[in-house]
């Protein structure tokens, strides 16, 4: 099966690129989540917090081949 997306092509078999990508995504979700929570919007904040948790989990899975 060939990679179809640009991220798939950039990552290839390099786990470090995948890990860094997911860590950046997690950070990009966490900061607006806190801002929304402080603004009094808990539901959108919770959705972004869920994205943060998913990106963190994916970063952990990509960090070591033993975890897959």
PDB file of N, CA and C in Angstrom:
ATOM      1  N   UNK A   1       0.851  -1.168   0.000  1.00  0.00           N
ATOM      2  CA  UNK A   1       0.000   0.000   0.000  1.00  0.00           C
ATOM      3  C   UNK A   1       0.904   1.241   0.000  1.00  0.00           C
ATOM      4  N   UNK A   2       0.595   2.188  -0.892  1.00  0.00           N
ATOM      5  CA  UNK A   2       1.388   3.407  -0.986  1.00  0.00           C
ATOM      6  C   UNK A   2       0.826   4.487  -0.083  1.00  0.00           C
ATOM      7  N   UNK A   3       1.715   5.322   0.501  1.00  0.00           N
ATOM      8  CA  UNK A   3       1.224   6.450   1.292  1.00  0.00           C
ATOM      9  C   UNK A   3       0.485   7.433   0.395  1.00  0.00           C
ATOM     10  N   UNK A   4      -0.592   7.986   0.906  1.00  0.00           N
ATOM     11  CA  UNK A   4      -1.401   8.869   0.084  1.00  0.00           C
ATOM     12  C   UNK A   4      -1.263  10.336   0.470  1.00  0.00           C
ATOM     13  N   UNK A   5      -1.073  10.645   1.742  1.00  0.00           N
ATOM     14  CA  UNK A   5      -1.023  12.023   2.192  1.00  0.00           C
ATOM     15  C   UNK A   5       0.393  12.567   2.226  1.00  0.00           C
ATOM     16  N   UNK A   6       0.488  13.894   2.286  1.00  0.00           N
ATOM     17  CA  UNK A   6       1.807  14.519   2.369  1.00  0.00           C
ATOM     18  C   UNK A   6       2.503  14.153   3.669  1.00  0.00           C
ATOM     19  N   UNK A   7       1.730  14.051   4.761  1.00  0.00           N
ATOM     20  CA  UNK A   7       2.343  13.654   6.034  1.00  0.00           C
ATOM     21  C   UNK A   7       2.888  12.241   5.946  1.00  0.00           C
ATOM     22  N   UNK A   8       2.139  11.340   5.324  1.00  0.00           N
ATOM     23  CA  UNK A   8       2.621   9.968   5.154  1.00  0.00           C
ATOM     24  C   UNK A   8       3.898   9.926   4.335  1.00  0.00           C
ATOM     25  N   UNK A   9       3.978  10.746   3.296  1.00  0.00           N
ATOM     26  CA  UNK A   9       5.175  10.766   2.460  1.00  0.00           C
ATOM     27  C   UNK A   9       6.362  11.365   3.210  1.00  0.00           C
ATOM     28  N   UNK A  10       6.099  12.392   4.026  1.00  0.00           N
ATOM     29  CA  UNK A  10       7.186  13.036   4.773  1.00  0.00           C
ATOM     30  C   UNK A  10       7.703  12.117   5.868  1.00  0.00           C
ATOM     31  N   UNK A  11       6.801  11.414   6.517  1.00  0.00           N
ATOM     32  CA  UNK A  11       7.203  10.554   7.631  1.00  0.00           C
ATOM     33  C   UNK A  11       7.893   9.294   7.122  1.00  0.00           C
ATOM     34  N   UNK A  12       7.271   8.613   6.189  1.00  0.00           N
ATOM     35  CA  UNK A  12       7.847   7.362   5.700  1.00  0.00           C
ATOM     36  C   UNK A  12       8.031   6.396   6.847  1.00  0.00           C
ATOM     37  N   UNK A  13       9.273   5.996   7.103  1.00  0.00           N
ATOM     38  CA  UNK A  13       9.554   5.088   8.219  1.00  0.00           C
ATOM     39  C   UNK A  13      10.277   5.795   9.355  1.00  0.00           C
ATOM     40  N   UNK A  14      10.395   7.117   9.279  1.00  0.00           N
ATOM     41  CA  UNK A  14      11.104   7.877  10.302  1.00  0.00           C
ATOM     42  C   UNK A  14      10.171   8.165  11.478  1.00  0.00           C
ATOM     43  N   UNK A  15      10.354   7.477  12.567  1.00  0.00           N
ATOM     44  CA  UNK A  15       9.490   7.637  13.742  1.00  0.00           C
ATOM     45  C   UNK A  15       9.700   8.980  14.433  1.00  0.00           C
ATOM     46  N   UNK A  16      10.886   9.547  14.330  1.00  0.00           N
ATOM     47  CA  UNK A  16      11.170  10.819  14.993  1.00  0.00           C
ATOM     48  C   UNK A  16      10.292  11.931  14.421  1.00  0.00           C
ATOM     49  N   UNK A  17      10.135  11.975  13.099  1.00  0.00           N
ATOM     50  CA  UNK A  17       9.282  12.987  12.478  1.00  0.00           C
ATOM     51  C   UNK A  17       7.840  12.804  12.929  1.00  0.00           C
ATOM     52  N   UNK A  18       7.379  11.574  12.997  1.00  0.00           N
ATOM     53  CA  UNK A  18       6.008  11.312  13.433  1.00  0.00           C
ATOM     54  C   UNK A  18       5.817  11.737  14.886  1.00  0.00           C
ATOM     55  N   UNK A  19       6.776  11.435  15.738  1.00  0.00           N
ATOM     56  CA  UNK A  19       6.669  11.803  17.148  1.00  0.00           C
ATOM     57  C   UNK A  19       6.626  13.311  17.318  1.00  0.00           C
ATOM     58  N   UNK A  20       7.521  14.017  16.631  1.00  0.00           N
ATOM     59  CA  UNK A  20       7.549  15.479  16.730  1.00  0.00           C
ATOM     60  C   UNK A  20       6.259  16.084  16.200  1.00  0.00           C
ATOM     61  N   UNK A  21       5.729  15.527  15.124  1.00  0.00           N
ATOM     62  CA  UNK A  21       4.475  16.027  14.568  1.00  0.00           C
ATOM     63  C   UNK A  21       3.345  15.903  15.574  1.00  0.00           C
ATOM     64  N   UNK A  22       3.241  14.767  16.230  1.00  0.00           N
ATOM     65  CA  UNK A  22       2.158  14.576  17.194  1.00  0.00           C
ATOM     66  C   UNK A  22       2.358  15.398  18.463  1.00  0.00           C
ATOM     67  N   UNK A  23       3.604  15.617  18.871  1.00  0.00           N
ATOM     68  CA  UNK A  23       3.860  16.472  20.035  1.00  0.00           C
ATOM     69  C   UNK A  23       3.461  17.915  19.726  1.00  0.00           C
ATOM     70  N   UNK A  24       3.780  18.383  18.530  1.00  0.00           N
ATOM     71  CA  UNK A  24       3.371  19.743  18.133  1.00  0.00           C
ATOM     72  C   UNK A  24       1.850  19.859  18.053  1.00  0.00           C
ATOM     73  N   UNK A  25       1.205  18.835  17.545  1.00  0.00           N
ATOM     74  CA  UNK A  25      -0.259  18.838  17.478  1.00  0.00           C
ATOM     75  C   UNK A  25      -0.859  18.862  18.880  1.00  0.00           C
ATOM     76  N   UNK A  26      -0.270  18.108  19.791  1.00  0.00           N
ATOM     77  CA  UNK A  26      -0.770  18.094  21.164  1.00  0.00           C
ATOM     78  C   UNK A  26      -0.635  19.464  21.809  1.00  0.00           C
ATOM     79  N   UNK A  27       0.494  20.125  21.587  1.00  0.00           N
ATOM     80  CA  UNK A  27       0.698  21.462  22.147  1.00  0.00           C
ATOM     81  C   UNK A  27      -0.257  22.469  21.526  1.00  0.00           C
ATOM     82  N   UNK A  28      -0.467  22.344  20.217  1.00  0.00           N
ATOM     83  CA  UNK A  28      -1.384  23.249  19.529  1.00  0.00           C
ATOM     84  C   UNK A  28      -2.827  23.062  19.982  1.00  0.00           C
ATOM     85  N   UNK A  29      -3.167  21.927  20.523  1.00  0.00           N
ATOM     86  CA  UNK A  29      -4.514  21.700  21.039  1.00  0.00           C
ATOM     87  C   UNK A  29      -4.641  22.129  22.500  1.00  0.00           C
ATOM     88  N   UNK A  30      -3.561  22.015  23.252  1.00  0.00           N
ATOM     89  CA  UNK A  30      -3.619  22.301  24.682  1.00  0.00           C
ATOM     90  C   UNK A  30      -3.768  23.794  24.977  1.00  0.00           C
ATOM     91  N   UNK A  31      -3.013  24.624  24.293  1.00  0.00           N
ATOM     92  CA  UNK A  31      -3.031  26.064  24.587  1.00  0.00           C
ATOM     93  C   UNK A  31      -4.403  26.685  24.321  1.00  0.00           C
ATOM     94  N   UNK A  32      -5.018  26.465  23.142  1.00  0.00           N
ATOM     95  CA  UNK A  32      -6.365  27.020  22.945  1.00  0.00           C
ATOM     96  C   UNK A  32      -7.404  26.411  23.889  1.00  0.00           C
ATOM     97  N   UNK A  33      -7.181  25.160  24.294  1.00  0.00           N
ATOM     98  CA  UNK A  33      -8.113  24.533  25.221  1.00  0.00           C
ATOM     99  C   UNK A  33      -8.139  25.273  26.552  1.00  0.00           C
ATOM    100  N   UNK A  34      -6.975  25.617  27.060  1.00  0.00           N
ATOM    101  CA  UNK A  34      -6.905  26.360  28.319  1.00  0.00           C
ATOM    102  C   UNK A  34      -7.515  27.745  28.150  1.00  0.00           C
ATOM    103  N   UNK A  35      -7.266  28.384  27.008  1.00  0.00           N
ATOM    104  CA  UNK A  35      -7.841  29.705  26.762  1.00  0.00           C
ATOM    105  C   UNK A  35      -9.364  29.648  26.718  1.00  0.00           C
ATOM    106  N   UNK A  36      -9.902  28.622  26.069  1.00  0.00           N
ATOM    107  CA  UNK A  36     -11.360  28.471  26.021  1.00  0.00           C
ATOM    108  C   UNK A  36     -11.939  28.177  27.391  1.00  0.00           C
ATOM    109  N   UNK A  37     -11.251  27.385  28.174  1.00  0.00           N
ATOM    110  CA  UNK A  37     -11.730  27.075  29.516  1.00  0.00           C
ATOM    111  C   UNK A  37     -11.771  28.327  30.382  1.00  0.00           C
ATOM    112  N   UNK A  38     -10.729  29.146  30.283  1.00  0.00           N
ATOM    113  CA  UNK A  38     -10.697  30.382  31.060  1.00  0.00           C
ATOM    114  C   UNK A  38     -11.724  31.402  30.559  1.00  0.00           C
ATOM    115  N   UNK A  39     -12.138  31.275  29.301  1.00  0.00           N
ATOM    116  CA  UNK A  39     -13.155  32.163  28.741  1.00  0.00           C
ATOM    117  C   UNK A  39     -14.562  31.716  29.091  1.00  0.00           C
ATOM    118  N   UNK A  40     -14.701  30.580  29.751  1.00  0.00           N
ATOM    119  CA  UNK A  40     -16.013  30.109  30.178  1.00  0.00           C
ATOM    120  C   UNK A  40     -16.695  29.205  29.178  1.00  0.00           C
ATOM    121  N   UNK A  41     -15.942  28.577  28.281  1.00  0.00           N
ATOM    122  CA  UNK A  41     -16.515  27.666  27.292  1.00  0.00           C
ATOM    123  C   UNK A  41     -15.962  26.265  27.514  1.00  0.00           C
ATOM    124  N   UNK A  42     -16.577  25.517  28.454  1.00  0.00           N
ATOM    125  CA  UNK A  42     -15.998  24.216  28.813  1.00  0.00           C
ATOM    126  C   UNK A  42     -16.170  23.123  27.754  1.00  0.00           C
ATOM    127  N   UNK A  43     -17.232  23.173  26.960  1.00  0.00           N
ATOM    128  CA  UNK A  43     -17.455  22.099  25.988  1.00  0.00           C
ATOM    129  C   UNK A  43     -16.434  22.152  24.852  1.00  0.00           C
ATOM    130  N   UNK A  44     -16.221  23.314  24.187  1.00  0.00           N
ATOM    131  CA  UNK A  44     -15.154  23.347  23.179  1.00  0.00           C
ATOM    132  C   UNK A  44     -13.778  23.074  23.776  1.00  0.00           C
ATOM    133  N   UNK A  45     -13.569  23.514  25.010  1.00  0.00           N
ATOM    134  CA  UNK A  45     -12.306  23.249  25.681  1.00  0.00           C
ATOM    135  C   UNK A  45     -12.102  21.750  25.875  1.00  0.00           C
ATOM    136  N   UNK A  46     -13.155  21.054  26.239  1.00  0.00           N
ATOM    137  CA  UNK A  46     -13.075  19.604  26.417  1.00  0.00           C
ATOM    138  C   UNK A  46     -12.782  18.873  25.119  1.00  0.00           C
ATOM    139  N   UNK A  47     -13.354  19.375  24.017  1.00  0.00           N
ATOM    140  CA  UNK A  47     -13.077  18.753  22.721  1.00  0.00           C
ATOM    141  C   UNK A  47     -11.600  18.897  22.357  1.00  0.00           C
ATOM    142  N   UNK A  48     -11.038  20.072  22.591  1.00  0.00           N
ATOM    143  CA  UNK A  48      -9.619  20.262  22.303  1.00  0.00           C
ATOM    144  C   UNK A  48      -8.741  19.465  23.267  1.00  0.00           C
ATOM    145  N   UNK A  49      -9.202  19.304  24.502  1.00  0.00           N
ATOM    146  CA  UNK A  49      -8.440  18.497  25.459  1.00  0.00           C
ATOM    147  C   UNK A  49      -8.435  17.029  25.023  1.00  0.00           C
ATOM    148  N   UNK A  50      -9.538  16.574  24.428  1.00  0.00           N
ATOM    149  CA  UNK A  50      -9.585  15.212  23.900  1.00  0.00           C
ATOM    150  C   UNK A  50      -8.575  15.062  22.761  1.00  0.00           C
ATOM    151  N   UNK A  51      -8.496  16.068  21.877  1.00  0.00           N
ATOM    152  CA  UNK A  51      -7.517  16.030  20.799  1.00  0.00           C
ATOM    153  C   UNK A  51      -6.092  16.006  21.355  1.00  0.00           C
ATOM    154  N   UNK A  52      -5.874  16.753  22.425  1.00  0.00           N
ATOM    155  CA  UNK A  52      -4.555  16.753  23.071  1.00  0.00           C
ATOM    156  C   UNK A  52      -4.211  15.353  23.573  1.00  0.00           C
ATOM    157  N   UNK A  53      -5.166  14.706  24.206  1.00  0.00           N
ATOM    158  CA  UNK A  53      -4.921  13.360  24.738  1.00  0.00           C
ATOM    159  C   UNK A  53      -4.651  12.364  23.608  1.00  0.00           C
ATOM    160  N   UNK A  54      -5.395  12.476  22.510  1.00  0.00           N
ATOM    161  CA  UNK A  54      -5.193  11.562  21.394  1.00  0.00           C
ATOM    162  C   UNK A  54      -3.825  11.777  20.744  1.00  0.00           C
ATOM    163  N   UNK A  55      -3.434  13.032  20.564  1.00  0.00           N
ATOM    164  CA  UNK A  55      -2.134  13.316  19.956  1.00  0.00           C
ATOM    165  C   UNK A  55      -0.999  12.866  20.869  1.00  0.00           C
ATOM    166  N   UNK A  56      -1.172  13.013  22.171  1.00  0.00           N
ATOM    167  CA  UNK A  56      -0.156  12.544  23.122  1.00  0.00           C
ATOM    168  C   UNK A  56      -0.030  11.025  23.061  1.00  0.00           C
ATOM    169  N   UNK A  57      -1.160  10.338  22.972  1.00  0.00           N
ATOM    170  CA  UNK A  57      -1.136   8.878  22.879  1.00  0.00           C
ATOM    171  C   UNK A  57      -0.453   8.426  21.597  1.00  0.00           C
ATOM    172  N   UNK A  58      -0.716   9.108  20.484  1.00  0.00           N
ATOM    173  CA  UNK A  58      -0.079   8.750  19.225  1.00  0.00           C
ATOM    174  C   UNK A  58       1.422   9.024  19.272  1.00  0.00           C
ATOM    175  N   UNK A  59       1.828  10.121  19.920  1.00  0.00           N
ATOM    176  CA  UNK A  59       3.252  10.424  20.057  1.00  0.00           C
ATOM    177  C   UNK A  59       3.946   9.328  20.866  1.00  0.00           C
ATOM    178  N   UNK A  60       3.285   8.851  21.907  1.00  0.00           N
ATOM    179  CA  UNK A  60       3.871   7.760  22.702  1.00  0.00           C
ATOM    180  C   UNK A  60       3.975   6.477  21.896  1.00  0.00           C
ATOM    181  N   UNK A  61       2.957   6.195  21.088  1.00  0.00           N
ATOM    182  CA  UNK A  61       3.005   4.990  20.256  1.00  0.00           C
ATOM    183  C   UNK A  61       4.107   5.061  19.201  1.00  0.00           C
ATOM    184  N   UNK A  62       4.338   6.271  18.670  1.00  0.00           N
ATOM    185  CA  UNK A  62       5.376   6.430  17.639  1.00  0.00           C
ATOM    186  C   UNK A  62       6.782   6.494  18.235  1.00  0.00           C
ATOM    187  N   UNK A  63       6.890   6.689  19.532  1.00  0.00           N
ATOM    188  CA  UNK A  63       8.208   6.902  20.129  1.00  0.00           C
ATOM    189  C   UNK A  63       9.055   5.645  20.216  1.00  0.00           C
ATOM    190  N   UNK A  64       8.419   4.502  20.289  1.00  0.00           N
ATOM    191  CA  UNK A  64       9.181   3.275  20.441  1.00  0.00           C
ATOM    192  C   UNK A  64       8.539   2.153  19.628  1.00  0.00           C
ATOM    193  N   UNK A  65       9.316   1.407  18.871  1.00  0.00           N
ATOM    194  CA  UNK A  65       8.740   0.296  18.106  1.00  0.00           C
ATOM    195  C   UNK A  65       8.232  -0.838  19.001  1.00  0.00           C
ATOM    196  N   UNK A  66       8.685  -0.869  20.253  1.00  0.00           N
ATOM    197  CA  UNK A  66       8.227  -1.930  21.157  1.00  0.00           C
ATOM    198  C   UNK A  66       6.784  -1.733  21.586  1.00  0.00           C
ATOM    199  N   UNK A  67       6.264  -0.508  21.476  1.00  0.00           N
ATOM    200  CA  UNK A  67       4.911  -0.237  21.927  1.00  0.00           C
ATOM    201  C   UNK A  67       3.854  -0.629  20.907  1.00  0.00           C
ATOM    202  N   UNK A  68       4.234  -0.776  19.640  1.00  0.00           N
ATOM    203  CA  UNK A  68       3.266  -1.096  18.583  1.00  0.00           C
ATOM    204  C   UNK A  68       2.876  -2.542  18.606  1.00  0.00           C
TER     205      UNK A  68
END
